[in-house]
Protein backbone atom coordinates (compact mmCIF):
# COMPACT_ATOMS: atom_id res chain seq x y z
CA MET A 1 0.18 0.16 0.24
CA GLU A 2 2.72 2.31 1.07
CA THR A 3 4.83 1.63 -2.48
CA MET A 4 1.64 2.15 -4.50
CA LEU A 5 1.12 6.03 -2.93
CA SER A 6 4.51 6.71 -3.30
CA GLU A 7 4.43 5.96 -6.88
CA GLU A 8 1.39 8.00 -7.14
CA MET A 9 2.51 10.84 -5.32
CA ILE A 10 5.59 10.34 -7.98
CA ARG A 11 3.89 10.10 -11.07
CA ASP A 12 1.49 13.17 -9.51
CA ASP A 13 4.92 15.38 -9.29
CA LEU A 14 6.44 14.59 -12.53
CA ILE A 15 2.89 15.01 -13.98
CA LYS A 16 2.38 18.54 -12.49
CA THR A 17 6.28 19.49 -13.81
CA PHE A 18 5.26 18.61 -16.47
CA GLN A 19 2.02 19.75 -17.66
CA ARG A 20 3.74 23.49 -16.43
CA LEU A 21 7.23 22.51 -18.48
CA PHE A 22 5.85 22.32 -21.51
CA ASP A 23 2.24 23.98 -21.09
CA LEU A 24 0.19 20.81 -22.02
CA ASP A 25 -2.76 19.04 -20.26
CA VAL A 26 -2.61 15.63 -19.02
CA LEU A 27 -6.29 13.70 -20.47
CA GLU A 28 -5.24 10.65 -18.99
CA SER A 29 -2.07 8.07 -17.08
CA THR A 30 -1.27 4.61 -17.82
CA VAL A 31 1.87 3.01 -15.35
CA ILE A 32 4.30 1.00 -17.83
CA ARG A 33 5.70 -1.68 -15.20
CA ARG A 34 8.84 -2.47 -17.73
CA GLY A 35 12.47 -1.61 -16.20
CA TRP A 36 14.64 -2.29 -12.77
CA LEU A 37 13.49 0.39 -10.44
CA ASN A 38 12.67 3.53 -12.69
CA LEU A 39 9.70 4.00 -12.84
CA LYS A 40 7.03 5.04 -16.43
CA TRP A 41 3.93 6.38 -17.39
CA LYS A 42 1.80 6.82 -20.75
CA VAL A 43 0.55 10.13 -20.60
CA THR A 44 -2.04 11.35 -22.90
CA THR A 45 -2.53 15.01 -24.03
CA ASP A 46 -4.61 17.41 -25.70
CA SER A 47 -1.13 17.07 -28.01
CA GLY A 48 -0.18 13.57 -28.18
CA GLN A 49 1.27 11.22 -26.68
CA PHE A 50 4.31 10.89 -24.28
CA LEU A 51 6.18 8.59 -21.96
CA LEU A 52 7.79 9.78 -18.33
CA LYS A 53 10.39 8.26 -17.20
CA GLN A 54 11.41 9.10 -13.55
CA TYR A 55 15.21 8.31 -12.61
CA ASN A 56 14.88 5.93 -9.46
CA LYS A 57 17.64 8.02 -7.01
CA ASN A 58 19.21 4.68 -6.08
CA ARG A 59 19.56 3.63 -9.55
CA TYR A 60 20.60 7.27 -10.68
CA ARG A 61 23.57 6.77 -8.56
CA MET A 62 24.59 4.20 -10.42
CA TYR A 63 25.10 6.36 -13.47
CA LYS A 64 27.93 8.78 -14.34
CA PRO A 65 25.61 11.88 -14.73
CA GLU A 66 27.77 13.24 -17.98
CA GLU A 67 27.74 10.14 -19.22
CA LEU A 68 23.06 9.81 -19.25
CA LEU A 69 23.39 13.36 -20.90
CA LEU A 70 25.73 12.30 -23.08
CA ALA A 71 23.50 9.29 -24.36
CA PHE A 72 20.35 11.76 -24.40
CA SER A 73 22.11 13.82 -26.96
CA GLN A 74 23.07 10.94 -28.91
CA GLN A 75 19.42 9.52 -29.11
CA VAL A 76 18.30 12.89 -29.87
CA ARG A 77 21.02 13.16 -32.98
CA LEU A 78 19.76 9.50 -33.72
CA PHE A 79 16.40 10.39 -33.66
CA ASP A 80 17.25 13.83 -36.25
CA LYS A 81 18.53 11.41 -38.34
CA GLY A 82 16.21 8.95 -39.19
CA LEU A 83 16.62 6.21 -36.60
CA ALA A 84 13.62 4.32 -35.38
CA CYS A 85 14.00 5.44 -31.99
CA PRO A 86 11.58 8.10 -29.77
CA ASN A 87 12.72 11.29 -29.41
CA LEU A 88 13.49 12.99 -26.12
CA LEU A 89 11.85 16.68 -25.70
CA SER A 90 13.94 19.55 -23.71
CA HIS A 91 13.43 22.46 -21.83
CA HIS A 92 15.45 25.55 -21.92
CA LYS A 93 18.09 22.54 -23.53
CA SER A 94 17.56 20.72 -20.80
CA ILE A 95 16.56 16.95 -21.41
CA LEU A 96 17.81 15.43 -17.91
CA LEU A 97 14.54 17.43 -15.70
CA GLU A 98 14.00 18.15 -12.59
CA SER A 99 10.23 17.66 -10.26
CA ASP A 100 8.85 19.96 -7.80
CA ASN A 101 9.70 17.72 -5.51
CA GLY A 102 13.34 16.38 -7.03
CA GLU A 103 12.48 13.68 -8.80
CA LEU A 104 14.34 13.58 -12.07
CA PHE A 105 12.97 12.48 -14.91
CA THR A 106 12.73 12.73 -18.87
CA VAL A 107 9.92 13.23 -21.32
CA MET A 108 9.90 11.23 -25.00
CA GLU A 109 7.17 10.99 -27.40
CA TYR A 110 5.70 8.00 -26.74
CA CYS A 111 6.52 5.37 -29.83
CA GLN A 112 3.64 2.98 -31.21
CA GLY A 113 4.53 -1.09 -31.50
CA LYS A 114 4.77 -4.22 -29.22
CA LEU A 115 6.91 -6.39 -27.37
CA ILE A 116 8.23 -10.17 -28.44
CA PRO A 117 8.64 -12.34 -26.57
CA PRO A 118 12.59 -13.43 -26.05
CA GLY A 119 13.58 -15.63 -29.50
CA LYS A 120 9.69 -15.02 -31.59
CA ALA A 121 11.14 -12.39 -34.22
CA ASN A 122 9.63 -12.72 -37.57
CA VAL A 123 12.32 -12.56 -40.59
CA HIS A 124 11.17 -9.71 -41.45
CA GLN A 125 11.46 -8.45 -38.00
CA ILE A 126 14.90 -9.57 -37.43
CA TYR A 127 15.76 -8.20 -40.59
CA ASP A 128 14.74 -4.35 -40.17
CA LEU A 129 16.26 -4.73 -36.80
CA GLY A 130 19.57 -5.79 -38.60
CA ARG A 131 19.13 -2.44 -40.89
CA GLU A 132 18.34 -0.25 -38.16
CA THR A 133 21.60 -1.16 -35.84
CA GLY A 134 23.42 -1.16 -38.68
CA LYS A 135 22.48 2.34 -38.95
CA MET A 136 23.04 3.27 -35.78
CA HIS A 137 26.59 1.77 -35.57
CA ARG A 138 27.28 4.32 -38.40
CA LEU A 139 25.67 6.89 -37.07
CA LEU A 140 27.48 6.15 -33.80
CA ASN A 141 30.78 6.45 -35.17
CA ASP A 142 30.52 8.76 -37.69
CA GLY A 143 33.10 10.94 -36.19
CA THR A 144 30.67 13.13 -34.47
CA LEU A 145 32.21 11.37 -31.18
CA SER A 146 35.74 10.75 -30.66
CA ILE A 147 37.68 7.82 -30.30
CA GLN A 148 37.97 6.66 -26.49
CA ASN A 149 41.52 5.34 -25.21
CA LYS A 150 39.58 1.52 -24.66
CA PRO A 151 36.34 0.08 -24.28
CA GLN A 152 34.43 -0.24 -21.13
CA PHE A 153 34.81 -4.79 -21.97
CA ILE A 154 38.82 -5.91 -21.32
CA PRO A 155 38.25 -9.31 -22.15
CA PRO A 156 39.99 -11.03 -18.90
CA ARG A 157 43.14 -14.14 -19.41
CA ARG A 158 41.42 -17.15 -19.74
CA GLU A 159 43.09 -18.46 -16.62
CA GLU A 160 41.70 -15.85 -14.84
CA ARG A 161 38.04 -17.02 -16.25
CA LEU A 162 39.30 -20.32 -15.78
CA ALA A 163 39.58 -19.90 -12.21
CA HIS A 164 36.14 -18.37 -11.90
CA TRP A 165 34.27 -20.96 -13.11
CA ASN A 166 36.43 -22.99 -10.90
CA SER A 167 35.46 -21.03 -7.83
CA VAL A 168 31.99 -20.90 -8.85
CA TRP A 169 32.00 -25.02 -9.22
CA GLU A 170 32.72 -24.93 -5.56
CA GLN A 171 30.27 -22.74 -4.51
CA THR A 172 27.60 -24.77 -6.65
CA LYS A 173 28.75 -28.24 -4.91
CA GLU A 174 28.99 -26.14 -1.27
CA ALA A 175 25.10 -25.62 -1.69
CA GLY A 176 24.10 -28.40 -2.44
CA LYS A 177 22.87 -27.80 -5.74
CA THR A 178 24.43 -30.22 -7.03
CA GLU A 179 21.95 -30.13 -10.72
CA LEU A 180 23.73 -26.84 -11.72
CA LEU A 181 27.09 -28.08 -11.64
CA SER A 182 27.13 -29.30 -15.25
CA ASP A 183 25.91 -25.96 -16.87
CA ILE A 184 28.71 -25.05 -15.05
CA GLU A 185 31.23 -27.15 -16.48
CA THR A 186 29.90 -26.44 -19.52
CA GLN A 187 31.46 -22.74 -18.71
CA ARG A 188 34.51 -23.63 -17.98
CA ARG A 189 35.24 -26.44 -20.82
CA ALA A 190 33.40 -23.58 -23.23
CA THR A 191 36.38 -21.39 -21.75
CA GLU A 192 39.25 -23.58 -22.91
CA ASP A 193 38.00 -24.21 -25.71
CA ILE A 194 37.81 -20.70 -27.60
CA ASP A 195 40.30 -18.66 -29.71
CA ILE A 196 41.04 -15.66 -27.22
CA GLU A 197 42.93 -14.14 -30.16
CA ILE A 198 39.59 -13.21 -31.81
CA LEU A 199 38.29 -11.12 -28.92
CA GLU A 200 41.69 -8.74 -29.94
CA LEU A 201 40.69 -8.80 -32.96
CA LEU A 202 37.13 -7.28 -32.62
CA GLN A 203 36.78 -3.37 -33.28
CA SER A 204 36.13 -1.02 -30.67
CA GLY A 205 33.07 2.03 -31.12
CA TRP A 206 30.21 3.75 -29.81
CA ALA A 207 27.27 1.11 -29.14
CA HIS A 208 23.88 1.05 -27.52
CA ARG A 209 24.43 -1.80 -25.07
CA ASP A 210 21.52 -3.06 -24.15
CA LEU A 211 19.81 -4.24 -27.00
CA TRP A 212 17.91 -6.57 -26.39
CA VAL A 213 14.12 -8.00 -26.84
CA ASP A 214 12.40 -5.39 -23.97
CA ASN A 215 14.43 -2.28 -25.62
CA LEU A 216 12.77 -3.21 -29.53
CA LEU A 217 9.08 -2.47 -30.38
CA PHE A 218 7.86 -3.93 -33.45
CA ASN A 219 4.38 -4.11 -35.79
CA ASP A 220 3.93 -6.98 -37.39
CA SER A 221 6.35 -6.25 -39.90
CA ARG A 222 9.01 -3.63 -39.13
CA LEU A 223 11.09 -2.73 -36.22
CA THR A 224 9.57 0.89 -34.98
CA ALA A 225 11.85 1.77 -32.58
CA ILE A 226 15.05 0.97 -30.44
CA LEU A 227 14.42 2.23 -26.73
CA ASP A 228 16.44 2.58 -23.63
CA PHE A 229 19.74 4.03 -24.83
CA ASP A 230 20.68 4.95 -21.03
CA ARG A 231 23.80 2.54 -21.09
CA LEU A 232 25.64 4.02 -24.36
CA LYS A 233 29.06 3.51 -24.45
CA TYR A 234 32.73 3.22 -26.18
CA ASP A 235 32.78 -0.61 -25.82
CA TYR A 236 32.05 -2.79 -28.93
CA PRO A 237 29.11 -2.60 -31.42
CA GLN A 238 29.64 -6.73 -32.17
CA LEU A 239 27.99 -6.66 -28.48
CA ASP A 240 25.02 -5.08 -29.70
CA VAL A 241 24.92 -7.40 -32.99
CA ALA A 242 25.40 -10.51 -30.81
CA ARG A 243 22.84 -9.54 -27.63
CA ALA A 244 19.69 -9.14 -30.62
CA VAL A 245 20.32 -11.72 -32.65
CA ILE A 246 20.62 -14.21 -29.03
CA SER A 247 17.80 -12.28 -27.60
CA CYS A 248 15.24 -12.54 -30.80
CA ALA A 249 16.30 -15.49 -32.89
CA LEU A 250 17.08 -18.22 -30.03
CA ASP A 251 14.25 -20.55 -29.35
CA ASP A 252 14.87 -23.73 -28.09
CA ASN A 253 17.84 -23.16 -30.34
CA LEU A 254 18.80 -20.52 -32.66
CA ASP A 255 17.12 -19.63 -35.71
CA VAL A 256 20.11 -19.99 -38.71
CA SER A 257 17.46 -17.99 -41.17
CA LEU A 258 16.90 -15.40 -38.70
CA ALA A 259 20.24 -14.48 -37.64
CA SER A 260 20.81 -14.71 -41.27
CA ALA A 261 18.26 -12.26 -42.55
CA PHE A 262 19.97 -9.93 -39.28
CA MET A 263 22.95 -9.23 -40.84
CA GLU A 264 21.22 -9.47 -44.61
CA GLY A 265 19.73 -6.23 -43.14
CA TYR A 266 23.06 -5.04 -40.56
CA SER A 267 25.11 -5.29 -44.14
CA GLU A 268 23.18 -2.80 -46.16
CA GLU A 269 24.42 -0.08 -43.72
CA HIS A 270 27.20 -1.61 -41.88
CA THR A 271 30.68 -3.34 -43.16
CA VAL A 272 30.71 -7.02 -42.20
CA VAL A 273 34.19 -9.14 -42.57
CA LYS A 274 33.37 -13.29 -42.64
CA GLY A 275 32.46 -14.93 -39.18
CA TYR A 276 31.10 -11.58 -37.85
CA LEU A 277 28.59 -13.09 -36.29
CA THR A 278 30.38 -15.46 -35.24
CA ASN A 279 33.38 -13.49 -33.57
CA SER A 280 30.44 -11.35 -31.96
CA LEU A 281 28.79 -14.13 -30.64
CA LYS A 282 31.67 -15.90 -28.65
CA LEU A 283 32.27 -12.35 -27.31
CA LEU A 284 29.22 -11.39 -25.97
CA TRP A 285 29.53 -15.05 -24.34
CA TYR A 286 32.56 -14.24 -22.79
CA MET A 287 31.07 -10.98 -21.08
CA GLU A 288 27.95 -12.40 -20.40
CA SER A 289 28.59 -15.14 -18.98
CA THR A 290 29.52 -14.73 -15.48
CA TRP A 291 26.27 -12.37 -15.51
CA TRP A 292 24.47 -14.63 -14.99
CA ILE A 293 25.55 -18.33 -14.33
CA ASN A 294 26.54 -18.19 -10.66
CA ALA A 295 25.88 -20.88 -7.71
CA ASN A 296 22.29 -18.63 -7.54
CA MET A 297 20.76 -19.18 -10.63
CA ASP A 298 18.18 -21.00 -9.97
CA GLU A 299 16.47 -18.44 -8.05
CA HIS A 300 16.93 -16.04 -11.61
CA SER A 301 13.69 -14.17 -12.05
CA ILE A 302 12.01 -14.29 -15.76
CA PRO A 303 14.76 -11.87 -17.42
CA PRO A 304 18.04 -13.43 -16.13
CA ALA A 305 16.53 -17.04 -16.18
CA ARG A 306 16.58 -15.96 -19.89
CA PHE A 307 20.06 -14.48 -20.09
CA ALA A 308 21.39 -17.72 -18.15
CA LYS A 309 19.66 -19.74 -21.04
CA GLU A 310 21.19 -17.34 -23.61
CA MET A 311 24.59 -18.44 -21.99
CA ILE A 312 24.58 -22.42 -21.42
CA TRP A 313 23.61 -22.67 -24.80
CA LEU A 314 26.40 -20.31 -26.22
CA ALA A 315 28.70 -22.73 -24.08
CA GLU A 316 27.37 -25.60 -25.52
CA ASN A 317 28.31 -24.44 -28.79
CA GLN A 318 31.02 -22.34 -28.55
CA LYS A 319 33.26 -25.47 -30.44
CA ASN A 320 30.63 -25.53 -33.47
CA MET A 321 29.49 -22.27 -33.88
CA SER A 322 31.53 -21.84 -37.01
CA ASP A 323 29.92 -24.89 -38.63
CA LEU A 324 26.31 -23.61 -37.58
CA LEU A 325 26.87 -20.49 -38.68
CA GLY A 326 28.58 -20.90 -42.45
CA ASN A 327 30.07 -17.53 -43.03
CA ILE A 328 27.75 -15.37 -41.70
C-alpha cells in the first residue's frame, strides 16, 4: 500500500511539472511496468502521447551523469538522422528534468509498437532490426563522437576466467545444488576451448549496449523503435549485434535463417567481414556468462533466467559455432 502511494505521489509530481514546463494538459496516464527501479508512465495530452521516465535515486547513483547526458544527446541526434527511436523533449536545452519535488525525469514521444517474446521475431522484423542497428552503428561512429582510449569491456585472461568458474563450481557444490554443476562445467570447458585471439581482433566503437527484446518495439513486419540508450558507451558494436540476434532468434535453438536475415539487413548499412556474427556471439558469451551463470541461478527471475539460458546455449555451441553459422 505504501509503495503504491509513493508511486502515485511521484506520478502526480511528474505530471504537474510536465504540464507546467511544456504547457500541456494531461488527460490520462497509464503506468508502464517495465525495467528495473525506474518508473514510467504513458500520458495522453491534448497534443499527443508522451512517456515520462523517472530516474530512481538509487539507480541513478549507478550512472555517471555526464555519460547519461551524452547518451541523451546521441539519442536525439540519431532520431534527427532518421533512426527508429523516440525523440527526447528538452526544456531550456535540458533533457534531464527535475520535478517540483526533486525527482529526475525525462519526457519522450510515445512510440507505437509491441514487445515480442524472446526468440519469437519473424524474418521481416529481424531483418529490419539488423538494418536499423547497422544504421545506428554507422551514425554513432561517423566521427561526431571521439574515439576513446579503451572499450568498456576488457576481456580477462583465460586463466583468470577458468579460476572464476572453478570457484563458482565449488560454491555451487557446497550449496548442495548438484543439478547446476553440469551447466557450470559447460562454461568452464567452453572457456578452455575459445580462441582468445579472436577477441583481440574485434573493432571497438560506440554502441547501444542493451539491445534485447525488452528495449525493442515492432509491428508485424518492421522495427518501430529502439528504446533505452542509457547504457550507451564506447565498447564493441558487435556486442549489440550478438545481443540482438541471441535475444530475437534463440528459442530452443538458434534459428539460423533469422540470424542470417539480421546480418543481411545489418550489412546494408555497415561493413561486415566473414565470421562477423560468429565472433560477435563468442564475445557476448565471454563478457556476459559470468553475470548470469552462478550458484544462485536457480533463483533467477524471468529476465536473468532467459540470459542464463542464452549463455548455456552459447557455451554448449562454442566449438561448432562456425559450422552452425557458416560464414556469417
